[in-house]
N, C-alpha and C. Protein backbone atom coordinates (compact mmCIF):
# COMPACT_ATOMS: atom_id res chain seq x y z
N MET A 1 2.84 -11.94 7.92
CA MET A 1 3.47 -11.91 6.80
C MET A 1 4.82 -11.54 6.62
N THR A 2 4.72 -10.10 6.57
CA THR A 2 5.77 -9.53 6.71
C THR A 2 7.16 -9.60 7.52
N THR A 3 6.71 -9.72 8.81
CA THR A 3 7.34 -10.19 9.63
C THR A 3 8.33 -11.37 9.75
N PHE A 4 7.77 -12.50 9.07
CA PHE A 4 7.84 -13.59 8.78
C PHE A 4 8.84 -13.32 7.34
N LEU A 5 9.01 -12.77 6.30
CA LEU A 5 9.30 -12.91 5.21
C LEU A 5 10.47 -11.85 5.75
N VAL A 6 10.58 -10.64 6.83
CA VAL A 6 11.97 -10.12 6.68
C VAL A 6 12.45 -10.98 7.43
N GLY A 7 12.53 -11.94 8.67
CA GLY A 7 13.12 -12.53 9.22
C GLY A 7 13.95 -13.69 8.40
N TYR A 8 13.04 -14.42 7.57
CA TYR A 8 13.56 -15.13 6.50
C TYR A 8 14.43 -14.45 5.55
N ALA A 9 14.20 -13.29 5.06
CA ALA A 9 15.27 -12.99 4.78
C ALA A 9 16.92 -12.73 4.79
N ALA A 10 16.48 -11.96 6.65
CA ALA A 10 17.98 -11.67 7.01
C ALA A 10 18.74 -13.17 7.39
N ALA A 11 17.95 -14.39 7.68
CA ALA A 11 18.54 -15.76 8.32
C ALA A 11 19.34 -16.16 6.81
N GLN A 12 18.47 -15.77 5.37
CA GLN A 12 19.25 -16.53 4.49
C GLN A 12 20.28 -15.44 3.81
N GLN A 13 20.35 -14.13 4.30
CA GLN A 13 21.59 -13.47 3.71
C GLN A 13 22.63 -13.18 4.75
N GLY A 14 22.25 -13.54 6.16
CA GLY A 14 22.86 -13.51 7.22
C GLY A 14 23.36 -12.20 7.82
N ARG A 15 21.97 -11.26 7.74
CA ARG A 15 21.82 -9.75 7.72
C ARG A 15 21.14 -9.84 9.00
N ASP A 16 20.89 -8.21 9.56
CA ASP A 16 20.89 -8.08 10.98
C ASP A 16 19.65 -7.74 10.91
N VAL A 17 18.20 -8.39 11.04
CA VAL A 17 16.50 -7.92 11.05
C VAL A 17 16.56 -6.60 11.24
N SER A 18 16.56 -5.69 12.01
CA SER A 18 16.38 -4.94 12.34
C SER A 18 16.67 -4.00 11.18
N VAL A 19 17.91 -4.02 10.71
CA VAL A 19 18.07 -3.15 9.22
C VAL A 19 17.17 -3.46 8.24
N LEU A 20 16.80 -4.67 7.71
CA LEU A 20 15.73 -5.13 6.97
C LEU A 20 14.80 -4.90 7.34
N ALA A 21 14.43 -4.91 8.87
CA ALA A 21 12.64 -4.35 8.92
C ALA A 21 12.98 -2.70 8.83
N ALA A 22 13.67 -2.19 8.84
CA ALA A 22 14.15 -0.80 8.96
C ALA A 22 13.49 -0.21 6.89
N LYS A 23 14.11 -1.09 6.74
CA LYS A 23 14.27 -1.13 5.03
C LYS A 23 12.69 -1.33 4.72
N ALA A 24 12.00 -2.40 5.30
CA ALA A 24 11.01 -2.67 4.76
C ALA A 24 9.62 -1.47 5.07
N ALA A 25 9.81 -1.23 6.43
CA ALA A 25 8.81 0.08 6.90
C ALA A 25 9.50 1.06 6.19
N ALA A 26 10.61 1.56 5.49
CA ALA A 26 10.49 2.80 4.81
C ALA A 26 10.18 2.37 3.60
N LEU A 27 9.97 1.28 2.75
CA LEU A 27 9.15 1.11 1.40
C LEU A 27 7.72 0.96 1.77
N ALA A 28 7.18 0.65 2.43
CA ALA A 28 5.93 0.73 3.01
C ALA A 28 5.62 2.63 3.08
N ASN A 29 5.83 2.83 4.01
CA ASN A 29 5.62 4.34 4.21
C ASN A 29 5.95 4.85 2.86
N ARG A 30 6.65 4.62 1.54
CA ARG A 30 6.79 5.35 0.21
C ARG A 30 5.51 4.99 -0.41
N TRP A 31 5.25 3.63 -0.07
CA TRP A 31 4.41 3.35 -1.14
C TRP A 31 3.11 3.79 -0.36
N ALA A 32 2.51 4.38 0.57
CA ALA A 32 1.49 4.66 1.30
C ALA A 32 1.63 6.74 0.50
N ALA A 33 2.60 6.89 0.69
CA ALA A 33 2.71 8.30 0.79
C ALA A 33 2.54 8.69 -1.42
N GLU A 34 2.89 7.61 -1.80
CA GLU A 34 2.68 7.50 -3.10
C GLU A 34 0.95 7.64 -3.43
N ALA A 35 0.47 6.20 -3.02
CA ALA A 35 -1.03 6.10 -2.69
C ALA A 35 -1.73 7.37 -2.32
N ALA A 36 -1.29 7.81 -1.35
CA ALA A 36 -1.88 9.01 -0.98
C ALA A 36 -2.11 10.00 -1.75
N GLU A 37 -0.57 10.20 -2.67
CA GLU A 37 -0.61 11.68 -3.82
C GLU A 37 -1.61 10.90 -5.04
N ASN A 38 -1.39 10.06 -5.46
CA ASN A 38 -2.33 9.57 -6.32
C ASN A 38 -3.88 9.44 -6.23
N ALA A 39 -3.90 9.42 -5.02
CA ALA A 39 -5.84 9.46 -4.62
C ALA A 39 -6.11 10.67 -4.94
N ASP A 40 -5.03 12.07 -4.37
CA ASP A 40 -5.31 13.55 -4.07
C ASP A 40 -5.34 13.92 -5.68
N ALA A 41 -4.36 13.11 -6.65
CA ALA A 41 -4.52 13.81 -8.08
C ALA A 41 -6.04 13.38 -9.00
N THR A 42 -6.40 12.04 -8.06
CA THR A 42 -7.59 11.04 -9.38
C THR A 42 -8.68 12.02 -9.11
N PRO A 43 -9.62 13.00 -10.13
CA PRO A 43 -10.50 13.44 -9.54
C PRO A 43 -11.79 12.53 -9.24
N GLU A 44 -12.87 13.27 -8.87
CA GLU A 44 -13.99 12.32 -8.51
C GLU A 44 -14.79 12.21 -9.95
N ALA A 45 -15.48 11.28 -10.34
CA ALA A 45 -16.35 11.43 -10.95
C ALA A 45 -17.55 12.21 -10.99
N ALA A 46 -17.86 12.36 -12.69
CA ALA A 46 -19.14 13.68 -12.07
C ALA A 46 -20.23 12.87 -11.58
N PRO A 47 -21.17 13.52 -11.12
CA PRO A 47 -22.47 12.91 -10.62
C PRO A 47 -23.46 12.01 -11.52
N GLU A 48 -23.23 12.78 -12.73
CA GLU A 48 -23.98 12.01 -14.52
C GLU A 48 -23.23 11.07 -14.44
N ALA A 49 -22.15 10.69 -14.33
CA ALA A 49 -21.45 9.75 -15.02
C ALA A 49 -21.26 8.58 -14.06
N LYS A 50 -21.85 8.50 -12.75
CA LYS A 50 -22.06 7.65 -11.97
C LYS A 50 -23.36 6.91 -12.20
N PRO A 51 -23.46 5.28 -12.35
CA PRO A 51 -24.72 4.94 -12.30
C PRO A 51 -25.39 4.64 -11.54
N LYS A 52 -26.87 4.87 -11.89
CA LYS A 52 -27.98 5.65 -11.07
C LYS A 52 -28.61 4.24 -10.70
N ALA A 53 -29.27 4.11 -9.61
CA ALA A 53 -29.70 3.19 -9.21
C ALA A 53 -30.94 2.58 -9.80
N LYS A 54 -31.12 1.40 -9.42
CA LYS A 54 -32.51 0.85 -10.21
C LYS A 54 -33.80 1.04 -9.26
N PRO A 55 -35.03 1.24 -9.56
CA PRO A 55 -36.09 1.55 -9.11
C PRO A 55 -36.35 0.03 -8.13
N ALA A 56 -36.48 0.09 -7.12
CA ALA A 56 -37.29 -1.10 -6.36
C ALA A 56 -38.75 -1.21 -7.35
N GLU A 57 -38.88 -2.74 -7.14
CA GLU A 57 -40.03 -2.97 -7.98
C GLU A 57 -40.72 -3.73 -6.82
């Protein structure tokens, strides 16, 4: 889907596909880095805060 959208945007704007693809890749890499930073900063839930499994009947 991303490849299609980059190609479509390039055609609509009369721009070079490789330039737009590089921008899309850089944005995706930035989002991945930000997500990794946020995951590292989020503390795990305390064991007592997790729901307990129901006993089998």
